[in-house]
């Protein structure tokens, strides 16, 4: 699996720490009076979190960039308000290419595939 990940995604220079993520989000809130933030929650993140001990034995750092609970973002900055989270597959009607639209629609009917990749929306 790790070899596949390396083929699909370039090796990062290092993962962002929670403090770095907090700082970046604070900079957004300081710079803009209002806005909306979108976060992806892919299956890779959940799988990486579940496999953290195994990955650590292979020399990978902990995966700190993913949040486990949407309320974390609200705790980081009281201006951030949770709006919703939606599965990407539920947006199938907006896909212009028929074969992809049909694929996403089919994926949306099964909870295992529908819930594996979600988008979280916050306003501030």
PDB file of N, CA and C in Angstrom:
ATOM      1  N   UNK A   1       0.816  -1.179   0.000  1.00  0.00           N
ATOM      2  CA  UNK A   1       0.000   0.000   0.000  1.00  0.00           C
ATOM      3  C   UNK A   1       0.872   1.259   0.000  1.00  0.00           C
ATOM      4  N   UNK A   2       1.941   1.241   0.778  1.00  0.00           N
ATOM      5  CA  UNK A   2       2.813   2.412   0.850  1.00  0.00           C
ATOM      6  C   UNK A   2       3.453   2.678  -0.503  1.00  0.00           C
ATOM      7  N   UNK A   3       3.860   1.616  -1.192  1.00  0.00           N
ATOM      8  CA  UNK A   3       4.442   1.794  -2.527  1.00  0.00           C
ATOM      9  C   UNK A   3       3.426   2.404  -3.488  1.00  0.00           C
ATOM     10  N   UNK A   4       2.179   1.959  -3.403  1.00  0.00           N
ATOM     11  CA  UNK A   4       1.130   2.524  -4.248  1.00  0.00           C
ATOM     12  C   UNK A   4       0.930   4.003  -3.938  1.00  0.00           C
ATOM     13  N   UNK A   5       0.913   4.345  -2.658  1.00  0.00           N
ATOM     14  CA  UNK A   5       0.758   5.743  -2.269  1.00  0.00           C
ATOM     15  C   UNK A   5       1.892   6.588  -2.847  1.00  0.00           C
ATOM     16  N   UNK A   6       3.097   6.086  -2.778  1.00  0.00           N
ATOM     17  CA  UNK A   6       4.250   6.829  -3.313  1.00  0.00           C
ATOM     18  C   UNK A   6       4.136   7.046  -4.816  1.00  0.00           C
ATOM     19  N   UNK A   7       3.528   6.100  -5.515  1.00  0.00           N
ATOM     20  CA  UNK A   7       3.338   6.259  -6.955  1.00  0.00           C
ATOM     21  C   UNK A   7       2.252   7.287  -7.264  1.00  0.00           C
ATOM     22  N   UNK A   8       1.211   7.309  -6.433  1.00  0.00           N
ATOM     23  CA  UNK A   8       0.083   8.203  -6.670  1.00  0.00           C
ATOM     24  C   UNK A   8       0.322   9.624  -6.159  1.00  0.00           C
ATOM     25  N   UNK A   9       1.022   9.737  -5.048  1.00  0.00           N
ATOM     26  CA  UNK A   9       1.236  11.043  -4.426  1.00  0.00           C
ATOM     27  C   UNK A   9       2.728  11.253  -4.195  1.00  0.00           C
ATOM     28  N   UNK A  10       3.237  12.428  -4.531  1.00  0.00           N
ATOM     29  CA  UNK A  10       4.650  12.688  -4.269  1.00  0.00           C
ATOM     30  C   UNK A  10       4.911  12.728  -2.767  1.00  0.00           C
ATOM     31  N   UNK A  11       6.124  12.375  -2.396  1.00  0.00           N
ATOM     32  CA  UNK A  11       6.502  12.410  -0.989  1.00  0.00           C
ATOM     33  C   UNK A  11       6.527  13.852  -0.509  1.00  0.00           C
ATOM     34  N   UNK A  12       5.822  14.146   0.572  1.00  0.00           N
ATOM     35  CA  UNK A  12       5.849  15.515   1.088  1.00  0.00           C
ATOM     36  C   UNK A  12       7.167  15.791   1.796  1.00  0.00           C
ATOM     37  N   UNK A  13       7.511  17.073   1.881  1.00  0.00           N
ATOM     38  CA  UNK A  13       8.711  17.448   2.621  1.00  0.00           C
ATOM     39  C   UNK A  13       8.518  17.161   4.095  1.00  0.00           C
ATOM     40  N   UNK A  14       7.339  17.154   4.527  1.00  0.00           N
ATOM     41  CA  UNK A  14       6.984  16.895   5.919  1.00  0.00           C
ATOM     42  C   UNK A  14       5.525  17.245   6.099  1.00  0.00           C
ATOM     43  N   UNK A  15       4.912  16.614   7.045  1.00  0.00           N
ATOM     44  CA  UNK A  15       3.502  16.892   7.282  1.00  0.00           C
ATOM     45  C   UNK A  15       3.378  18.131   8.139  1.00  0.00           C
ATOM     46  N   UNK A  16       2.295  18.856   7.980  1.00  0.00           N
ATOM     47  CA  UNK A  16       2.031  20.011   8.820  1.00  0.00           C
ATOM     48  C   UNK A  16       1.603  19.540  10.200  1.00  0.00           C
ATOM     49  N   UNK A  17       2.053  20.272  11.188  1.00  0.00           N
ATOM     50  CA  UNK A  17       1.641  19.963  12.550  1.00  0.00           C
ATOM     51  C   UNK A  17       0.300  20.633  12.823  1.00  0.00           C
ATOM     52  N   UNK A  18      -0.308  20.248  13.904  1.00  0.00           N
ATOM     53  CA  UNK A  18      -1.580  20.857  14.276  1.00  0.00           C
ATOM     54  C   UNK A  18      -1.405  22.357  14.498  1.00  0.00           C
ATOM     55  N   UNK A  19      -0.301  22.747  15.148  1.00  0.00           N
ATOM     56  CA  UNK A  19      -0.057  24.176  15.380  1.00  0.00           C
ATOM     57  C   UNK A  19       0.095  24.947  14.073  1.00  0.00           C
ATOM     58  N   UNK A  20       0.731  24.347  13.073  1.00  0.00           N
ATOM     59  CA  UNK A  20       0.855  25.011  11.765  1.00  0.00           C
ATOM     60  C   UNK A  20      -0.511  25.176  11.104  1.00  0.00           C
ATOM     61  N   UNK A  21      -1.335  24.151  11.207  1.00  0.00           N
ATOM     62  CA  UNK A  21      -2.688  24.244  10.641  1.00  0.00           C
ATOM     63  C   UNK A  21      -3.501  25.320  11.346  1.00  0.00           C
ATOM     64  N   UNK A  22      -3.391  25.385  12.659  1.00  0.00           N
ATOM     65  CA  UNK A  22      -4.101  26.414  13.417  1.00  0.00           C
ATOM     66  C   UNK A  22      -3.644  27.804  12.979  1.00  0.00           C
ATOM     67  N   UNK A  23      -2.333  27.963  12.815  1.00  0.00           N
ATOM     68  CA  UNK A  23      -1.785  29.260  12.421  1.00  0.00           C
ATOM     69  C   UNK A  23      -2.300  29.683  11.042  1.00  0.00           C
ATOM     70  N   UNK A  24      -2.321  28.749  10.095  1.00  0.00           N
ATOM     71  CA  UNK A  24      -2.804  29.043   8.742  1.00  0.00           C
ATOM     72  C   UNK A  24      -4.275  29.458   8.774  1.00  0.00           C
ATOM     73  N   UNK A  25      -5.095  28.728   9.516  1.00  0.00           N
ATOM     74  CA  UNK A  25      -6.508  29.069   9.612  1.00  0.00           C
ATOM     75  C   UNK A  25      -6.707  30.415  10.311  1.00  0.00           C
ATOM     76  N   UNK A  26      -5.878  30.687  11.314  1.00  0.00           N
ATOM     77  CA  UNK A  26      -5.963  31.982  11.993  1.00  0.00           C
ATOM     78  C   UNK A  26      -5.610  33.117  11.033  1.00  0.00           C
ATOM     79  N   UNK A  27      -4.631  32.882  10.162  1.00  0.00           N
ATOM     80  CA  UNK A  27      -4.253  33.890   9.171  1.00  0.00           C
ATOM     81  C   UNK A  27      -5.402  34.170   8.201  1.00  0.00           C
ATOM     82  N   UNK A  28      -6.132  33.127   7.804  1.00  0.00           N
ATOM     83  CA  UNK A  28      -7.317  33.322   6.960  1.00  0.00           C
ATOM     84  C   UNK A  28      -8.330  34.210   7.676  1.00  0.00           C
ATOM     85  N   UNK A  29      -8.613  33.853   8.920  1.00  0.00           N
ATOM     86  CA  UNK A  29      -9.617  34.600   9.679  1.00  0.00           C
ATOM     87  C   UNK A  29      -9.176  36.044   9.917  1.00  0.00           C
ATOM     88  N   UNK A  30      -7.878  36.264  10.121  1.00  0.00           N
ATOM     89  CA  UNK A  30      -7.370  37.621  10.327  1.00  0.00           C
ATOM     90  C   UNK A  30      -7.404  38.443   9.045  1.00  0.00           C
ATOM     91  N   UNK A  31      -7.163  37.800   7.931  1.00  0.00           N
ATOM     92  CA  UNK A  31      -7.055  38.499   6.647  1.00  0.00           C
ATOM     93  C   UNK A  31      -8.416  38.855   6.045  1.00  0.00           C
ATOM     94  N   UNK A  32      -9.393  37.967   6.224  1.00  0.00           N
ATOM     95  CA  UNK A  32     -10.707  38.157   5.615  1.00  0.00           C
ATOM     96  C   UNK A  32     -11.769  38.323   6.698  1.00  0.00           C
ATOM     97  N   UNK A  33     -12.691  39.256   6.462  1.00  0.00           N
ATOM     98  CA  UNK A  33     -13.740  39.486   7.464  1.00  0.00           C
ATOM     99  C   UNK A  33     -14.772  38.363   7.475  1.00  0.00           C
ATOM    100  N   UNK A  34     -15.052  37.776   6.318  1.00  0.00           N
ATOM    101  CA  UNK A  34     -15.963  36.628   6.220  1.00  0.00           C
ATOM    102  C   UNK A  34     -15.418  35.678   5.168  1.00  0.00           C
ATOM    103  N   UNK A  35     -15.880  34.470   5.205  1.00  0.00           N
ATOM    104  CA  UNK A  35     -15.449  33.510   4.195  1.00  0.00           C
ATOM    105  C   UNK A  35     -16.004  32.131   4.470  1.00  0.00           C
ATOM    106  N   UNK A  36     -15.565  31.199   3.647  1.00  0.00           N
ATOM    107  CA  UNK A  36     -15.986  29.815   3.772  1.00  0.00           C
ATOM    108  C   UNK A  36     -14.779  28.929   3.540  1.00  0.00           C
ATOM    109  N   UNK A  37     -14.652  27.908   4.346  1.00  0.00           N
ATOM    110  CA  UNK A  37     -13.553  26.952   4.231  1.00  0.00           C
ATOM    111  C   UNK A  37     -14.129  25.592   3.860  1.00  0.00           C
ATOM    112  N   UNK A  38     -13.441  24.892   2.979  1.00  0.00           N
ATOM    113  CA  UNK A  38     -13.825  23.539   2.599  1.00  0.00           C
ATOM    114  C   UNK A  38     -12.673  22.608   2.926  1.00  0.00           C
ATOM    115  N   UNK A  39     -12.977  21.501   3.581  1.00  0.00           N
ATOM    116  CA  UNK A  39     -11.974  20.501   3.916  1.00  0.00           C
ATOM    117  C   UNK A  39     -12.386  19.177   3.312  1.00  0.00           C
ATOM    118  N   UNK A  40     -11.435  18.498   2.745  1.00  0.00           N
ATOM    119  CA  UNK A  40     -11.690  17.141   2.246  1.00  0.00           C
ATOM    120  C   UNK A  40     -11.418  16.160   3.379  1.00  0.00           C
ATOM    121  N   UNK A  41     -12.153  15.096   3.388  1.00  0.00           N
ATOM    122  CA  UNK A  41     -11.934  14.022   4.353  1.00  0.00           C
ATOM    123  C   UNK A  41     -11.899  12.704   3.586  1.00  0.00           C
ATOM    124  N   UNK A  42     -10.790  12.429   2.899  1.00  0.00           N
ATOM    125  CA  UNK A  42     -10.717  11.200   2.091  1.00  0.00           C
ATOM    126  C   UNK A  42     -10.450   9.961   2.930  1.00  0.00           C
ATOM    127  N   UNK A  43     -10.735   8.830   2.333  1.00  0.00           N
ATOM    128  CA  UNK A  43     -10.499   7.541   2.983  1.00  0.00           C
ATOM    129  C   UNK A  43      -9.036   7.355   3.313  1.00  0.00           C
ATOM    130  N   UNK A  44      -8.153   7.953   2.542  1.00  0.00           N
ATOM    131  CA  UNK A  44      -6.706   7.801   2.782  1.00  0.00           C
ATOM    132  C   UNK A  44      -6.356   8.315   4.173  1.00  0.00           C
ATOM    133  N   UNK A  45      -6.975   9.418   4.561  1.00  0.00           N
ATOM    134  CA  UNK A  45      -6.704  10.000   5.868  1.00  0.00           C
ATOM    135  C   UNK A  45      -7.115   9.035   6.967  1.00  0.00           C
ATOM    136  N   UNK A  46      -8.327   8.517   6.877  1.00  0.00           N
ATOM    137  CA  UNK A  46      -8.802   7.590   7.902  1.00  0.00           C
ATOM    138  C   UNK A  46      -7.945   6.333   7.956  1.00  0.00           C
ATOM    139  N   UNK A  47      -7.586   5.833   6.797  1.00  0.00           N
ATOM    140  CA  UNK A  47      -6.768   4.630   6.764  1.00  0.00           C
ATOM    141  C   UNK A  47      -5.390   4.903   7.363  1.00  0.00           C
ATOM    142  N   UNK A  48      -4.816   6.060   7.039  1.00  0.00           N
ATOM    143  CA  UNK A  48      -3.509   6.412   7.568  1.00  0.00           C
ATOM    144  C   UNK A  48      -3.567   6.540   9.081  1.00  0.00           C
ATOM    145  N   UNK A  49      -4.621   7.140   9.608  1.00  0.00           N
ATOM    146  CA  UNK A  49      -4.771   7.265  11.053  1.00  0.00           C
ATOM    147  C   UNK A  49      -4.878   5.891  11.710  1.00  0.00           C
ATOM    148  N   UNK A  50      -5.616   5.004  11.106  1.00  0.00           N
ATOM    149  CA  UNK A  50      -5.780   3.661  11.671  1.00  0.00           C
ATOM    150  C   UNK A  50      -4.482   2.858  11.624  1.00  0.00           C
ATOM    151  N   UNK A  51      -3.647   3.175  10.654  1.00  0.00           N
ATOM    152  CA  UNK A  51      -2.406   2.415  10.472  1.00  0.00           C
ATOM    153  C   UNK A  51      -1.197   3.145  11.061  1.00  0.00           C
ATOM    154  N   UNK A  52      -1.400   4.119  11.941  1.00  0.00           N
ATOM    155  CA  UNK A  52      -0.306   4.966  12.406  1.00  0.00           C
ATOM    156  C   UNK A  52       0.824   4.187  13.070  1.00  0.00           C
ATOM    157  N   UNK A  53       0.530   3.178  13.876  1.00  0.00           N
ATOM    158  CA  UNK A  53       1.593   2.402  14.531  1.00  0.00           C
ATOM    159  C   UNK A  53       2.426   1.647  13.509  1.00  0.00           C
ATOM    160  N   UNK A  54       1.747   1.031  12.549  1.00  0.00           N
ATOM    161  CA  UNK A  54       2.460   0.298  11.507  1.00  0.00           C
ATOM    162  C   UNK A  54       3.327   1.227  10.673  1.00  0.00           C
ATOM    163  N   UNK A  55       2.787   2.398  10.329  1.00  0.00           N
ATOM    164  CA  UNK A  55       3.547   3.364   9.534  1.00  0.00           C
ATOM    165  C   UNK A  55       4.726   3.917  10.320  1.00  0.00           C
ATOM    166  N   UNK A  56       4.544   4.126  11.614  1.00  0.00           N
ATOM    167  CA  UNK A  56       5.633   4.632  12.454  1.00  0.00           C
ATOM    168  C   UNK A  56       6.798   3.639  12.475  1.00  0.00           C
ATOM    169  N   UNK A  57       6.507   2.346  12.506  1.00  0.00           N
ATOM    170  CA  UNK A  57       7.578   1.331  12.478  1.00  0.00           C
ATOM    171  C   UNK A  57       8.367   1.382  11.182  1.00  0.00           C
ATOM    172  N   UNK A  58       7.736   1.879  10.117  1.00  0.00           N
ATOM    173  CA  UNK A  58       8.403   1.990   8.824  1.00  0.00           C
ATOM    174  C   UNK A  58       9.050   3.368   8.633  1.00  0.00           C
ATOM    175  N   UNK A  59       8.988   4.210   9.680  1.00  0.00           N
ATOM    176  CA  UNK A  59       9.663   5.487   9.620  1.00  0.00           C
ATOM    177  C   UNK A  59       8.836   6.673   9.178  1.00  0.00           C
ATOM    178  N   UNK A  60       7.520   6.475   9.012  1.00  0.00           N
ATOM    179  CA  UNK A  60       6.661   7.580   8.612  1.00  0.00           C
ATOM    180  C   UNK A  60       6.235   8.371   9.846  1.00  0.00           C
ATOM    181  N   UNK A  61       6.176   9.705   9.716  1.00  0.00           N
ATOM    182  CA  UNK A  61       5.722  10.505  10.857  1.00  0.00           C
ATOM    183  C   UNK A  61       4.219  10.354  11.043  1.00  0.00           C
ATOM    184  N   UNK A  62       3.716  10.699  12.237  1.00  0.00           N
ATOM    185  CA  UNK A  62       2.264  10.648  12.441  1.00  0.00           C
ATOM    186  C   UNK A  62       1.559  11.573  11.465  1.00  0.00           C
ATOM    187  N   UNK A  63       0.360  11.208  11.104  1.00  0.00           N
ATOM    188  CA  UNK A  63      -0.422  12.014  10.162  1.00  0.00           C
ATOM    189  C   UNK A  63      -1.220  13.022  10.961  1.00  0.00           C
ATOM    190  N   UNK A  64      -0.663  14.213  11.128  1.00  0.00           N
ATOM    191  CA  UNK A  64      -1.273  15.220  11.984  1.00  0.00           C
ATOM    192  C   UNK A  64      -2.193  16.171  11.243  1.00  0.00           C
ATOM    193  N   UNK A  65      -2.240  16.139   9.941  1.00  0.00           N
ATOM    194  CA  UNK A  65      -3.012  17.147   9.229  1.00  0.00           C
ATOM    195  C   UNK A  65      -4.504  16.855   9.201  1.00  0.00           C
ATOM    196  N   UNK A  66      -4.880  15.659   9.466  1.00  0.00           N
ATOM    197  CA  UNK A  66      -6.302  15.317   9.400  1.00  0.00           C
ATOM    198  C   UNK A  66      -6.976  15.582  10.737  1.00  0.00           C
ATOM    199  N   UNK A  67      -8.194  16.015  10.666  1.00  0.00           N
ATOM    200  CA  UNK A  67      -8.962  16.187  11.893  1.00  0.00           C
ATOM    201  C   UNK A  67      -9.880  14.989  12.045  1.00  0.00           C
ATOM    202  N   UNK A  68     -10.065  14.577  13.252  1.00  0.00           N
ATOM    203  CA  UNK A  68     -10.938  13.440  13.513  1.00  0.00           C
ATOM    204  C   UNK A  68     -12.365  13.886  13.812  1.00  0.00           C
ATOM    205  N   UNK A  69     -12.495  15.151  14.239  1.00  0.00           N
ATOM    206  CA  UNK A  69     -13.787  15.646  14.689  1.00  0.00           C
ATOM    207  C   UNK A  69     -13.945  17.079  14.190  1.00  0.00           C
ATOM    208  N   UNK A  70     -15.032  17.379  13.535  1.00  0.00           N
ATOM    209  CA  UNK A  70     -15.245  18.712  12.970  1.00  0.00           C
ATOM    210  C   UNK A  70     -15.236  19.800  14.043  1.00  0.00           C
ATOM    211  N   UNK A  71     -15.571  19.442  15.276  1.00  0.00           N
ATOM    212  CA  UNK A  71     -15.596  20.434  16.350  1.00  0.00           C
ATOM    213  C   UNK A  71     -14.202  20.960  16.680  1.00  0.00           C
ATOM    214  N   UNK A  72     -13.162  20.214  16.279  1.00  0.00           N
ATOM    215  CA  UNK A  72     -11.793  20.701  16.492  1.00  0.00           C
ATOM    216  C   UNK A  72     -11.594  22.057  15.836  1.00  0.00           C
ATOM    217  N   UNK A  73     -12.080  22.210  14.612  1.00  0.00           N
ATOM    218  CA  UNK A  73     -11.917  23.466  13.882  1.00  0.00           C
ATOM    219  C   UNK A  73     -12.622  24.594  14.629  1.00  0.00           C
ATOM    220  N   UNK A  74     -13.797  24.324  15.145  1.00  0.00           N
ATOM    221  CA  UNK A  74     -14.533  25.338  15.897  1.00  0.00           C
ATOM    222  C   UNK A  74     -13.819  25.699  17.200  1.00  0.00           C
ATOM    223  N   UNK A  75     -13.138  24.738  17.800  1.00  0.00           N
ATOM    224  CA  UNK A  75     -12.380  25.020  19.030  1.00  0.00           C
ATOM    225  C   UNK A  75     -11.126  25.840  18.735  1.00  0.00           C
ATOM    226  N   UNK A  76     -10.560  25.654  17.549  1.00  0.00           N
ATOM    227  CA  UNK A  76      -9.349  26.395  17.196  1.00  0.00           C
ATOM    228  C   UNK A  76      -9.623  27.879  17.072  1.00  0.00           C
ATOM    229  N   UNK A  77     -10.791  28.221  16.560  1.00  0.00           N
ATOM    230  CA  UNK A  77     -11.134  29.625  16.368  1.00  0.00           C
ATOM    231  C   UNK A  77     -12.645  29.754  16.507  1.00  0.00           C
ATOM    232  N   UNK A  78     -13.112  30.551  17.462  1.00  0.00           N
ATOM    233  CA  UNK A  78     -14.561  30.650  17.683  1.00  0.00           C
ATOM    234  C   UNK A  78     -15.328  31.260  16.510  1.00  0.00           C
ATOM    235  N   UNK A  79     -14.634  31.901  15.570  1.00  0.00           N
ATOM    236  CA  UNK A  79     -15.324  32.449  14.396  1.00  0.00           C
ATOM    237  C   UNK A  79     -15.736  31.365  13.410  1.00  0.00           C
ATOM    238  N   UNK A  80     -15.074  30.232  13.425  1.00  0.00           N
ATOM    239  CA  UNK A  80     -15.391  29.161  12.485  1.00  0.00           C
ATOM    240  C   UNK A  80     -16.653  28.435  12.937  1.00  0.00           C
ATOM    241  N   UNK A  81     -17.602  28.335  12.012  1.00  0.00           N
ATOM    242  CA  UNK A  81     -18.873  27.666  12.281  1.00  0.00           C
ATOM    243  C   UNK A  81     -19.103  26.559  11.264  1.00  0.00           C
ATOM    244  N   UNK A  82     -19.395  25.396  11.788  1.00  0.00           N
ATOM    245  CA  UNK A  82     -19.685  24.243  10.937  1.00  0.00           C
ATOM    246  C   UNK A  82     -20.985  24.485  10.173  1.00  0.00           C
ATOM    247  N   UNK A  83     -20.950  24.242   8.860  1.00  0.00           N
ATOM    248  CA  UNK A  83     -22.152  24.362   8.031  1.00  0.00           C
ATOM    249  C   UNK A  83     -22.703  22.980   7.712  1.00  0.00           C
ATOM    250  N   UNK A  84     -21.874  22.144   7.092  1.00  0.00           N
ATOM    251  CA  UNK A  84     -22.338  20.812   6.685  1.00  0.00           C
ATOM    252  C   UNK A  84     -21.160  19.966   6.249  1.00  0.00           C
ATOM    253  N   UNK A  85     -21.423  18.686   6.099  1.00  0.00           N
ATOM    254  CA  UNK A  85     -20.488  17.808   5.402  1.00  0.00           C
ATOM    255  C   UNK A  85     -21.294  16.977   4.423  1.00  0.00           C
ATOM    256  N   UNK A  86     -20.776  16.875   3.236  1.00  0.00           N
ATOM    257  CA  UNK A  86     -21.487  16.153   2.186  1.00  0.00           C
ATOM    258  C   UNK A  86     -20.536  15.173   1.500  1.00  0.00           C
ATOM    259  N   UNK A  87     -21.042  14.026   1.118  1.00  0.00           N
ATOM    260  CA  UNK A  87     -20.223  13.113   0.338  1.00  0.00           C
ATOM    261  C   UNK A  87     -20.013  13.684  -1.066  1.00  0.00           C
ATOM    262  N   UNK A  88     -18.810  13.560  -1.568  1.00  0.00           N
ATOM    263  CA  UNK A  88     -18.549  14.025  -2.927  1.00  0.00           C
ATOM    264  C   UNK A  88     -19.437  13.313  -3.936  1.00  0.00           C
ATOM    265  N   UNK A  89     -19.733  12.057  -3.669  1.00  0.00           N
ATOM    266  CA  UNK A  89     -20.550  11.302  -4.618  1.00  0.00           C
ATOM    267  C   UNK A  89     -21.970  11.839  -4.714  1.00  0.00           C
ATOM    268  N   UNK A  90     -22.437  12.554  -3.695  1.00  0.00           N
ATOM    269  CA  UNK A  90     -23.801  13.089  -3.741  1.00  0.00           C
ATOM    270  C   UNK A  90     -23.934  14.242  -4.734  1.00  0.00           C
ATOM    271  N   UNK A  91     -22.834  14.728  -5.229  1.00  0.00           N
ATOM    272  CA  UNK A  91     -22.837  15.829  -6.195  1.00  0.00           C
ATOM    273  C   UNK A  91     -22.857  15.316  -7.639  1.00  0.00           C
ATOM    274  N   UNK A  92     -23.235  14.067  -7.822  1.00  0.00           N
ATOM    275  CA  UNK A  92     -23.169  13.431  -9.144  1.00  0.00           C
ATOM    276  C   UNK A  92     -23.951  14.172 -10.220  1.00  0.00           C
ATOM    277  N   UNK A  93     -25.048  14.813  -9.866  1.00  0.00           N
ATOM    278  CA  UNK A  93     -25.881  15.492 -10.866  1.00  0.00           C
ATOM    279  C   UNK A  93     -25.154  16.657 -11.543  1.00  0.00           C
ATOM    280  N   UNK A  94     -24.118  17.177 -10.905  1.00  0.00           N
ATOM    281  CA  UNK A  94     -23.384  18.319 -11.457  1.00  0.00           C
ATOM    282  C   UNK A  94     -22.241  17.900 -12.389  1.00  0.00           C
ATOM    283  N   UNK A  95     -22.009  16.615 -12.513  1.00  0.00           N
ATOM    284  CA  UNK A  95     -20.902  16.127 -13.339  1.00  0.00           C
ATOM    285  C   UNK A  95     -21.346  16.087 -14.798  1.00  0.00           C
ATOM    286  N   UNK A  96     -20.648  16.805 -15.676  1.00  0.00           N
ATOM    287  CA  UNK A  96     -21.100  16.900 -17.073  1.00  0.00           C
ATOM    288  C   UNK A  96     -20.847  15.636 -17.907  1.00  0.00           C
ATOM    289  N   UNK A  97     -19.837  14.878 -17.562  1.00  0.00           N
ATOM    290  CA  UNK A  97     -19.503  13.687 -18.357  1.00  0.00           C
ATOM    291  C   UNK A  97     -20.337  12.510 -17.859  1.00  0.00           C
ATOM    292  N   UNK A  98     -21.153  11.972 -18.767  1.00  0.00           N
ATOM    293  CA  UNK A  98     -22.135  10.961 -18.385  1.00  0.00           C
ATOM    294  C   UNK A  98     -21.531   9.753 -17.672  1.00  0.00           C
ATOM    295  N   UNK A  99     -20.448   9.201 -18.168  1.00  0.00           N
ATOM    296  CA  UNK A  99     -19.876   7.994 -17.569  1.00  0.00           C
ATOM    297  C   UNK A  99     -19.430   8.261 -16.126  1.00  0.00           C
ATOM    298  N   UNK A 100     -18.880   9.433 -15.855  1.00  0.00           N
ATOM    299  CA  UNK A 100     -18.473   9.778 -14.495  1.00  0.00           C
ATOM    300  C   UNK A 100     -19.696  10.055 -13.617  1.00  0.00           C
ATOM    301  N   UNK A 101     -20.698  10.714 -14.193  1.00  0.00           N
ATOM    302  CA  UNK A 101     -21.926  11.007 -13.462  1.00  0.00           C
ATOM    303  C   UNK A 101     -22.599   9.703 -13.028  1.00  0.00           C
ATOM    304  N   UNK A 102     -22.688   8.744 -13.934  1.00  0.00           N
ATOM    305  CA  UNK A 102     -23.308   7.449 -13.625  1.00  0.00           C
ATOM    306  C   UNK A 102     -22.482   6.714 -12.567  1.00  0.00           C
ATOM    307  N   UNK A 103     -21.171   6.776 -12.687  1.00  0.00           N
ATOM    308  CA  UNK A 103     -20.298   6.115 -11.711  1.00  0.00           C
ATOM    309  C   UNK A 103     -20.494   6.707 -10.319  1.00  0.00           C
ATOM    310  N   UNK A 104     -20.488   8.030 -10.223  1.00  0.00           N
ATOM    311  CA  UNK A 104     -20.688   8.684  -8.930  1.00  0.00           C
ATOM    312  C   UNK A 104     -22.080   8.394  -8.367  1.00  0.00           C
ATOM    313  N   UNK A 105     -23.071   8.364  -9.247  1.00  0.00           N
ATOM    314  CA  UNK A 105     -24.432   8.061  -8.796  1.00  0.00           C
ATOM    315  C   UNK A 105     -24.498   6.652  -8.215  1.00  0.00           C
ATOM    316  N   UNK A 106     -23.869   5.711  -8.889  1.00  0.00           N
ATOM    317  CA  UNK A 106     -23.823   4.336  -8.390  1.00  0.00           C
ATOM    318  C   UNK A 106     -23.078   4.279  -7.054  1.00  0.00           C
ATOM    319  N   UNK A 107     -21.928   4.949  -6.971  1.00  0.00           N
ATOM    320  CA  UNK A 107     -21.155   4.970  -5.724  1.00  0.00           C
ATOM    321  C   UNK A 107     -21.965   5.601  -4.588  1.00  0.00           C
ATOM    322  N   UNK A 108     -22.807   6.549  -4.914  1.00  0.00           N
ATOM    323  CA  UNK A 108     -23.592   7.238  -3.901  1.00  0.00           C
ATOM    324  C   UNK A 108     -24.664   6.351  -3.283  1.00  0.00           C
ATOM    325  N   UNK A 109     -25.020   5.266  -3.930  1.00  0.00           N
ATOM    326  CA  UNK A 109     -26.060   4.384  -3.401  1.00  0.00           C
ATOM    327  C   UNK A 109     -25.544   3.452  -2.302  1.00  0.00           C
ATOM    328  N   UNK A 110     -24.229   3.280  -2.199  1.00  0.00           N
ATOM    329  CA  UNK A 110     -23.650   2.369  -1.206  1.00  0.00           C
ATOM    330  C   UNK A 110     -22.944   3.161  -0.108  1.00  0.00           C
ATOM    331  N   UNK A 111     -23.348   2.978   1.140  1.00  0.00           N
ATOM    332  CA  UNK A 111     -22.741   3.740   2.232  1.00  0.00           C
ATOM    333  C   UNK A 111     -21.213   3.633   2.287  1.00  0.00           C
ATOM    334  N   UNK A 112     -20.671   2.462   2.020  1.00  0.00           N
ATOM    335  CA  UNK A 112     -19.215   2.300   2.105  1.00  0.00           C
ATOM    336  C   UNK A 112     -18.482   3.230   1.138  1.00  0.00           C
ATOM    337  N   UNK A 113     -18.972   3.375  -0.069  1.00  0.00           N
ATOM    338  CA  UNK A 113     -18.314   4.262  -1.028  1.00  0.00           C
ATOM    339  C   UNK A 113     -18.768   5.711  -0.858  1.00  0.00           C
ATOM    340  N   UNK A 114     -20.010   5.915  -0.480  1.00  0.00           N
ATOM    341  CA  UNK A 114     -20.536   7.276  -0.306  1.00  0.00           C
ATOM    342  C   UNK A 114     -19.821   7.996   0.842  1.00  0.00           C
ATOM    343  N   UNK A 115     -19.548   7.299   1.921  1.00  0.00           N
ATOM    344  CA  UNK A 115     -18.995   7.937   3.113  1.00  0.00           C
ATOM    345  C   UNK A 115     -17.473   7.971   3.154  1.00  0.00           C
ATOM    346  N   UNK A 116     -16.831   7.443   2.153  1.00  0.00           N
ATOM    347  CA  UNK A 116     -15.370   7.417   2.162  1.00  0.00           C
ATOM    348  C   UNK A 116     -14.705   8.724   1.773  1.00  0.00           C
ATOM    349  N   UNK A 117     -15.412   9.617   1.147  1.00  0.00           N
ATOM    350  CA  UNK A 117     -14.799  10.866   0.712  1.00  0.00           C
ATOM    351  C   UNK A 117     -15.812  11.978   0.897  1.00  0.00           C
ATOM    352  N   UNK A 118     -15.592  12.786   1.909  1.00  0.00           N
ATOM    353  CA  UNK A 118     -16.565  13.810   2.277  1.00  0.00           C
ATOM    354  C   UNK A 118     -15.940  15.201   2.223  1.00  0.00           C
ATOM    355  N   UNK A 119     -16.784  16.192   2.112  1.00  0.00           N
ATOM    356  CA  UNK A 119     -16.351  17.579   2.120  1.00  0.00           C
ATOM    357  C   UNK A 119     -17.018  18.269   3.314  1.00  0.00           C
ATOM    358  N   UNK A 120     -16.196  18.904   4.151  1.00  0.00           N
ATOM    359  CA  UNK A 120     -16.695  19.635   5.309  1.00  0.00           C
ATOM    360  C   UNK A 120     -16.649  21.128   4.993  1.00  0.00           C
ATOM    361  N   UNK A 121     -17.745  21.840   5.287  1.00  0.00           N
ATOM    362  CA  UNK A 121     -17.839  23.281   5.035  1.00  0.00           C
ATOM    363  C   UNK A 121     -17.956  24.041   6.344  1.00  0.00           C
ATOM    364  N   UNK A 122     -17.172  25.098   6.449  1.00  0.00           N
ATOM    365  CA  UNK A 122     -17.199  25.998   7.599  1.00  0.00           C
ATOM    366  C   UNK A 122     -17.313  27.424   7.096  1.00  0.00           C
ATOM    367  N   UNK A 123     -17.972  28.265   7.870  1.00  0.00           N
ATOM    368  CA  UNK A 123     -18.003  29.698   7.543  1.00  0.00           C
ATOM    369  C   UNK A 123     -17.304  30.445   8.664  1.00  0.00           C
ATOM    370  N   UNK A 124     -16.914  31.652   8.358  1.00  0.00           N
ATOM    371  CA  UNK A 124     -16.362  32.547   9.388  1.00  0.00           C
ATOM    372  C   UNK A 124     -16.669  33.973   9.024  1.00  0.00           C
TER     373      UNK A 124
END
